[in-house]
Amino acid sequence: MESRRIEVGDQGWSVRVDGPVTQHCVLLLPDSGDPPDVYDRVCARLHSSDLRTIVFEKADGLDLAGVYAALDDLGIPWANVAGRGAGASVAWQVCAKGFGRFVSLIVADRGHPAVPDGTGAVLDSECPAVELPTTVLVTKSLPRSVADTSGRHVYGEFRVVDLDADNVAAEADQEFATEIVLRTSMW
């Protein structure tokens, strides 16, 4: 896997890139505390589906400018976005604010930032709706009601999938990869 360091101002992130060089890329954003190789099994499955992967080793402090800088540095005009936990929160934000740069959104463990989570907390009441085909994976840490309510903040085809897992990257990598492949297909 090729590794690059992306710097934006005083922030920096390591990005791992692998897979066939095609026009179809998947940007993967991890949860806080995930090891750098958390998505390795997911990536292996995506590579066999002819998808290139870009994996941020951490999502802490990541924002739209950081994601754009990484995509620009790698010469990628647009990408499908997938994330879990804190990475899913970043994914919702960048897809809501980066119209035209992203093709689809697949998230696990987090509903739209304007929707109250399982404890009633709202991360960002001002977060715009996403205008992309979106899949929300319901896990043990995301109530189905939060995922369903997130549909009001998606202006595109919306799908909710139930998984009996805490960590989709480690426990349900095949299902996570399948949902990503379904969203990257243009059929």
C-alpha atoms as a PDB file:
ATOM      1  CA  MET A   1       0.000   0.000   0.000  1.00  0.00           C
ATOM      2  CA  GLU A   2       1.355   3.437  -0.944  1.00  0.00           C
ATOM      3  CA  SER A   3       1.431   5.911   1.933  1.00  0.00           C
ATOM      4  CA  ARG A   4       1.327   9.699   1.627  1.00  0.00           C
ATOM      5  CA  ARG A   5       1.338  12.542   4.086  1.00  0.00           C
ATOM      6  CA  ILE A   6      -1.208  15.310   3.421  1.00  0.00           C
ATOM      7  CA  GLU A   7      -0.659  18.695   5.090  1.00  0.00           C
ATOM      8  CA  VAL A   8      -3.246  21.475   5.346  1.00  0.00           C
ATOM      9  CA  GLY A   9      -2.105  24.391   7.481  1.00  0.00           C
ATOM     10  CA  ASP A  10      -0.890  23.005  10.790  1.00  0.00           C
ATOM     11  CA  GLN A  11      -2.847  19.726  10.369  1.00  0.00           C
ATOM     12  CA  GLY A  12      -1.480  16.579   8.770  1.00  0.00           C
ATOM     13  CA  TRP A  13      -2.831  13.146   7.938  1.00  0.00           C
ATOM     14  CA  SER A  14      -1.365   9.927   6.615  1.00  0.00           C
ATOM     15  CA  VAL A  15      -3.269   8.425   3.715  1.00  0.00           C
ATOM     16  CA  ARG A  16      -2.873   4.874   2.370  1.00  0.00           C
ATOM     17  CA  VAL A  17      -3.681   4.292  -1.308  1.00  0.00           C
ATOM     18  CA  ASP A  18      -4.024   0.921  -3.007  1.00  0.00           C
ATOM     19  CA  GLY A  19      -5.973  -1.020  -5.586  1.00  0.00           C
ATOM     20  CA  PRO A  20      -6.353  -0.907  -9.339  1.00  0.00           C
ATOM     21  CA  VAL A  21      -5.951   2.469 -11.020  1.00  0.00           C
ATOM     22  CA  THR A  22      -9.471   3.130 -12.244  1.00  0.00           C
ATOM     23  CA  GLN A  23     -11.803   6.095 -12.203  1.00  0.00           C
ATOM     24  CA  HIS A  24     -13.743   4.526  -9.321  1.00  0.00           C
ATOM     25  CA  CYS A  25     -12.302   5.385  -5.899  1.00  0.00           C
ATOM     26  CA  VAL A  26     -13.536   4.846  -2.370  1.00  0.00           C
ATOM     27  CA  LEU A  27     -12.446   7.178   0.409  1.00  0.00           C
ATOM     28  CA  LEU A  28     -12.528   5.331   3.758  1.00  0.00           C
ATOM     29  CA  LEU A  29     -12.624   7.225   7.068  1.00  0.00           C
ATOM     30  CA  PRO A  30     -11.967   5.358  10.348  1.00  0.00           C
ATOM     31  CA  ASP A  31     -13.375   5.801  13.826  1.00  0.00           C
ATOM     32  CA  SER A  32     -11.291   7.453  16.554  1.00  0.00           C
ATOM     33  CA  GLY A  33      -8.811   4.991  17.971  1.00  0.00           C
ATOM     34  CA  ASP A  34      -8.985   2.584  15.032  1.00  0.00           C
ATOM     35  CA  PRO A  35      -5.623   1.080  14.023  1.00  0.00           C
ATOM     36  CA  PRO A  36      -4.248   2.150  10.611  1.00  0.00           C
ATOM     37  CA  ASP A  37      -5.030  -1.282   9.149  1.00  0.00           C
ATOM     38  CA  VAL A  38      -8.688  -1.352  10.268  1.00  0.00           C
ATOM     39  CA  TYR A  39      -9.936  -1.342   6.672  1.00  0.00           C
ATOM     40  CA  ASP A  40      -7.400  -3.791   5.173  1.00  0.00           C
ATOM     41  CA  ARG A  41      -9.918  -6.636   4.763  1.00  0.00           C
ATOM     42  CA  VAL A  42     -12.551  -4.247   3.374  1.00  0.00           C
ATOM     43  CA  CYS A  43      -9.963  -2.854   0.936  1.00  0.00           C
ATOM     44  CA  ALA A  44      -8.977  -6.332  -0.268  1.00  0.00           C
ATOM     45  CA  ARG A  45     -12.609  -6.994  -1.145  1.00  0.00           C
ATOM     46  CA  LEU A  46     -12.984  -3.603  -2.846  1.00  0.00           C
ATOM     47  CA  HIS A  47      -9.812  -4.130  -4.904  1.00  0.00           C
ATOM     48  CA  SER A  48     -11.225  -7.401  -6.239  1.00  0.00           C
ATOM     49  CA  SER A  49     -14.256  -5.353  -7.363  1.00  0.00           C
ATOM     50  CA  ASP A  50     -11.948  -3.068  -9.363  1.00  0.00           C
ATOM     51  CA  LEU A  51     -12.113  -0.186  -6.883  1.00  0.00           C
ATOM     52  CA  ARG A  52      -9.179   1.948  -5.781  1.00  0.00           C
ATOM     53  CA  THR A  53      -9.093   2.768  -2.067  1.00  0.00           C
ATOM     54  CA  ILE A  54      -7.888   5.833  -0.196  1.00  0.00           C
ATOM     55  CA  VAL A  55      -7.763   5.272   3.568  1.00  0.00           C
ATOM     56  CA  PHE A  56      -7.114   8.010   6.089  1.00  0.00           C
ATOM     57  CA  GLU A  57      -5.240   6.463   9.003  1.00  0.00           C
ATOM     58  CA  LYS A  58      -7.161   8.762  11.374  1.00  0.00           C
ATOM     59  CA  ALA A  59     -10.132  11.075  10.998  1.00  0.00           C
ATOM     60  CA  ASP A  60      -9.364  13.296  14.003  1.00  0.00           C
ATOM     61  CA  GLY A  61      -9.418  16.961  12.961  1.00  0.00           C
ATOM     62  CA  LEU A  62     -10.317  16.066   9.379  1.00  0.00           C
ATOM     63  CA  ASP A  63     -12.595  18.468   7.500  1.00  0.00           C
ATOM     64  CA  LEU A  64     -13.616  19.339   3.952  1.00  0.00           C
ATOM     65  CA  ALA A  65     -10.320  21.160   3.263  1.00  0.00           C
ATOM     66  CA  GLY A  66      -8.296  18.118   4.354  1.00  0.00           C
ATOM     67  CA  VAL A  67     -10.360  15.716   2.255  1.00  0.00           C
ATOM     68  CA  TYR A  68     -10.127  17.999  -0.797  1.00  0.00           C
ATOM     69  CA  ALA A  69      -6.363  18.380  -0.299  1.00  0.00           C
ATOM     70  CA  ALA A  70      -5.934  14.598  -0.229  1.00  0.00           C
ATOM     71  CA  LEU A  71      -8.074  14.052  -3.326  1.00  0.00           C
ATOM     72  CA  ASP A  72      -6.279  16.871  -5.174  1.00  0.00           C
ATOM     73  CA  ASP A  73      -2.841  15.554  -4.174  1.00  0.00           C
ATOM     74  CA  LEU A  74      -3.795  12.110  -5.488  1.00  0.00           C
ATOM     75  CA  GLY A  75      -5.353  13.507  -8.689  1.00  0.00           C
ATOM     76  CA  ILE A  76      -8.818  12.152  -7.901  1.00  0.00           C
ATOM     77  CA  PRO A  77     -11.657  14.328  -9.237  1.00  0.00           C
ATOM     78  CA  TRP A  78     -14.460  12.550  -7.331  1.00  0.00           C
ATOM     79  CA  ALA A  79     -14.901   9.683  -4.893  1.00  0.00           C
ATOM     80  CA  ASN A  80     -17.361   7.484  -3.074  1.00  0.00           C
ATOM     81  CA  VAL A  81     -17.130   8.053   0.695  1.00  0.00           C
ATOM     82  CA  ALA A  82     -17.466   5.475   3.479  1.00  0.00           C
ATOM     83  CA  GLY A  83     -16.832   5.809   7.188  1.00  0.00           C
ATOM     84  CA  ARG A  84     -17.621   4.476  10.621  1.00  0.00           C
ATOM     85  CA  GLY A  85     -17.952   6.214  13.975  1.00  0.00           C
ATOM     86  CA  ALA A  86     -16.080   9.538  14.004  1.00  0.00           C
ATOM     87  CA  GLY A  87     -15.145   8.900  10.363  1.00  0.00           C
ATOM     88  CA  ALA A  88     -18.851   8.599   9.523  1.00  0.00           C
ATOM     89  CA  SER A  89     -19.443  12.005  11.137  1.00  0.00           C
ATOM     90  CA  VAL A  90     -16.728  13.486   8.917  1.00  0.00           C
ATOM     91  CA  ALA A  91     -18.201  11.675   5.901  1.00  0.00           C
ATOM     92  CA  TRP A  92     -21.653  13.187   6.506  1.00  0.00           C
ATOM     93  CA  GLN A  93     -20.118  16.668   6.835  1.00  0.00           C
ATOM     94  CA  VAL A  94     -17.928  16.552   3.725  1.00  0.00           C
ATOM     95  CA  CYS A  95     -20.674  15.039   1.579  1.00  0.00           C
ATOM     96  CA  ALA A  96     -23.169  17.656   2.782  1.00  0.00           C
ATOM     97  CA  LYS A  97     -20.792  20.522   2.017  1.00  0.00           C
ATOM     98  CA  GLY A  98     -18.815  19.198  -0.955  1.00  0.00           C
ATOM     99  CA  PHE A  99     -21.431  19.002  -3.684  1.00  0.00           C
ATOM    100  CA  GLY A 100     -20.123  17.640  -6.990  1.00  0.00           C
ATOM    101  CA  ARG A 101     -16.994  16.022  -5.564  1.00  0.00           C
ATOM    102  CA  PHE A 102     -18.613  12.936  -4.080  1.00  0.00           C
ATOM    103  CA  VAL A 103     -20.664  10.186  -5.711  1.00  0.00           C
ATOM    104  CA  SER A 104     -22.126   8.181  -2.832  1.00  0.00           C
ATOM    105  CA  LEU A 105     -22.085   7.926   0.957  1.00  0.00           C
ATOM    106  CA  ILE A 106     -21.952   4.793   3.117  1.00  0.00           C
ATOM    107  CA  VAL A 107     -21.843   5.289   6.898  1.00  0.00           C
ATOM    108  CA  ALA A 108     -21.905   3.052   9.969  1.00  0.00           C
ATOM    109  CA  ASP A 109     -22.527   3.954  13.618  1.00  0.00           C
ATOM    110  CA  ARG A 110     -23.681   7.553  12.990  1.00  0.00           C
ATOM    111  CA  GLY A 111     -26.799   9.244  11.762  1.00  0.00           C
ATOM    112  CA  HIS A 112     -26.894  12.625  10.007  1.00  0.00           C
ATOM    113  CA  PRO A 113     -25.311  15.307  12.269  1.00  0.00           C
ATOM    114  CA  ALA A 114     -28.591  17.276  12.462  1.00  0.00           C
ATOM    115  CA  VAL A 115     -30.468  14.254  13.839  1.00  0.00           C
ATOM    116  CA  PRO A 116     -30.427  13.540  17.595  1.00  0.00           C
ATOM    117  CA  ASP A 117     -28.299  10.478  18.343  1.00  0.00           C
ATOM    118  CA  GLY A 118     -29.316   7.678  20.714  1.00  0.00           C
ATOM    119  CA  THR A 119     -28.709   9.962  23.729  1.00  0.00           C
ATOM    120  CA  GLY A 120     -30.568  12.924  22.211  1.00  0.00           C
ATOM    121  CA  ALA A 121     -27.423  14.928  21.368  1.00  0.00           C
ATOM    122  CA  VAL A 122     -27.260  16.795  18.055  1.00  0.00           C
ATOM    123  CA  LEU A 123     -23.735  17.122  16.618  1.00  0.00           C
ATOM    124  CA  ASP A 124     -24.472  19.919  14.127  1.00  0.00           C
ATOM    125  CA  SER A 125     -27.988  21.301  13.769  1.00  0.00           C
ATOM    126  CA  GLU A 126     -26.838  23.452  10.825  1.00  0.00           C
ATOM    127  CA  CYS A 127     -25.437  20.582   8.748  1.00  0.00           C
ATOM    128  CA  PRO A 128     -27.048  20.644   5.291  1.00  0.00           C
ATOM    129  CA  ALA A 129     -28.695  17.616   3.745  1.00  0.00           C
ATOM    130  CA  VAL A 130     -26.613  15.372   1.507  1.00  0.00           C
ATOM    131  CA  GLU A 131     -27.619  15.127  -2.140  1.00  0.00           C
ATOM    132  CA  LEU A 132     -26.182  11.685  -2.788  1.00  0.00           C
ATOM    133  CA  PRO A 133     -27.302   8.080  -2.796  1.00  0.00           C
ATOM    134  CA  THR A 134     -26.738   7.125   0.856  1.00  0.00           C
ATOM    135  CA  THR A 135     -26.605   3.925   2.877  1.00  0.00           C
ATOM    136  CA  VAL A 136     -26.666   3.927   6.682  1.00  0.00           C
ATOM    137  CA  LEU A 137     -25.518   0.748   8.422  1.00  0.00           C
ATOM    138  CA  VAL A 138     -27.313   0.211  11.715  1.00  0.00           C
ATOM    139  CA  THR A 139     -24.941  -1.380  14.236  1.00  0.00           C
ATOM    140  CA  LYS A 140     -25.124  -2.128  17.947  1.00  0.00           C
ATOM    141  CA  SER A 141     -24.150   1.498  18.657  1.00  0.00           C
ATOM    142  CA  LEU A 142     -26.666   3.140  16.287  1.00  0.00           C
ATOM    143  CA  PRO A 143     -30.402   2.851  16.976  1.00  0.00           C
ATOM    144  CA  ARG A 144     -32.530   2.099  13.913  1.00  0.00           C
ATOM    145  CA  SER A 145     -34.692   5.148  14.677  1.00  0.00           C
ATOM    146  CA  VAL A 146     -31.663   7.469  14.253  1.00  0.00           C
ATOM    147  CA  ALA A 147     -30.819   5.866  10.906  1.00  0.00           C
ATOM    148  CA  ASP A 148     -34.426   6.126   9.695  1.00  0.00           C
ATOM    149  CA  THR A 149     -34.710   9.779  10.772  1.00  0.00           C
ATOM    150  CA  SER A 150     -31.499  10.563   8.886  1.00  0.00           C
ATOM    151  CA  GLY A 151     -33.419   9.877   5.677  1.00  0.00           C
ATOM    152  CA  ARG A 152     -35.067  13.296   6.011  1.00  0.00           C
ATOM    153  CA  HIS A 153     -31.598  14.792   5.463  1.00  0.00           C
ATOM    154  CA  VAL A 154     -30.807  12.835   2.298  1.00  0.00           C
ATOM    155  CA  TYR A 155     -31.918  14.176  -1.076  1.00  0.00           C
ATOM    156  CA  GLY A 156     -31.155  11.022  -3.021  1.00  0.00           C
ATOM    157  CA  GLU A 157     -31.835   7.316  -2.845  1.00  0.00           C
ATOM    158  CA  PHE A 158     -31.664   6.255   0.822  1.00  0.00           C
ATOM    159  CA  ARG A 159     -31.115   2.788   2.229  1.00  0.00           C
ATOM    160  CA  VAL A 160     -30.815   1.453   5.795  1.00  0.00           C
ATOM    161  CA  VAL A 161     -29.134  -1.895   6.478  1.00  0.00           C
ATOM    162  CA  ASP A 162     -29.182  -3.674   9.840  1.00  0.00           C
ATOM    163  CA  LEU A 163     -25.966  -5.414  10.947  1.00  0.00           C
ATOM    164  CA  ASP A 164     -25.414  -7.219  14.226  1.00  0.00           C
ATOM    165  CA  ALA A 165     -21.901  -5.844  14.787  1.00  0.00           C
ATOM    166  CA  ASP A 166     -20.032  -3.347  16.929  1.00  0.00           C
ATOM    167  CA  ASN A 167     -17.263  -2.660  14.419  1.00  0.00           C
ATOM    168  CA  VAL A 168     -18.282  -3.195  10.781  1.00  0.00           C
ATOM    169  CA  ALA A 169     -14.685  -3.059   9.558  1.00  0.00           C
ATOM    170  CA  ALA A 170     -13.593  -5.905  11.836  1.00  0.00           C
ATOM    171  CA  GLU A 171     -16.767  -7.956  12.323  1.00  0.00           C
ATOM    172  CA  ALA A 172     -18.747  -7.398   9.119  1.00  0.00           C
ATOM    173  CA  ASP A 173     -16.126  -6.472   6.524  1.00  0.00           C
ATOM    174  CA  GLN A 174     -17.863  -8.486   3.793  1.00  0.00           C
ATOM    175  CA  GLU A 175     -21.204  -6.731   4.352  1.00  0.00           C
ATOM    176  CA  PHE A 176     -19.547  -3.314   4.557  1.00  0.00           C
ATOM    177  CA  ALA A 177     -17.630  -3.951   1.319  1.00  0.00           C
ATOM    178  CA  THR A 178     -20.796  -5.207  -0.390  1.00  0.00           C
ATOM    179  CA  GLU A 179     -22.716  -2.052   0.526  1.00  0.00           C
ATOM    180  CA  ILE A 180     -19.845   0.071  -0.813  1.00  0.00           C
ATOM    181  CA  VAL A 181     -19.733  -1.889  -4.079  1.00  0.00           C
ATOM    182  CA  LEU A 182     -23.512  -1.526  -4.467  1.00  0.00           C
ATOM    183  CA  ARG A 183     -23.195   2.256  -4.112  1.00  0.00           C
ATOM    184  CA  THR A 184     -20.305   2.520  -6.579  1.00  0.00           C
ATOM    185  CA  SER A 185     -22.141   0.610  -9.298  1.00  0.00           C
ATOM    186  CA  MET A 186     -23.832   2.790 -11.885  1.00  0.00           C
ATOM    187  CA  TRP A 187     -26.581   0.262 -12.687  1.00  0.00           C
END
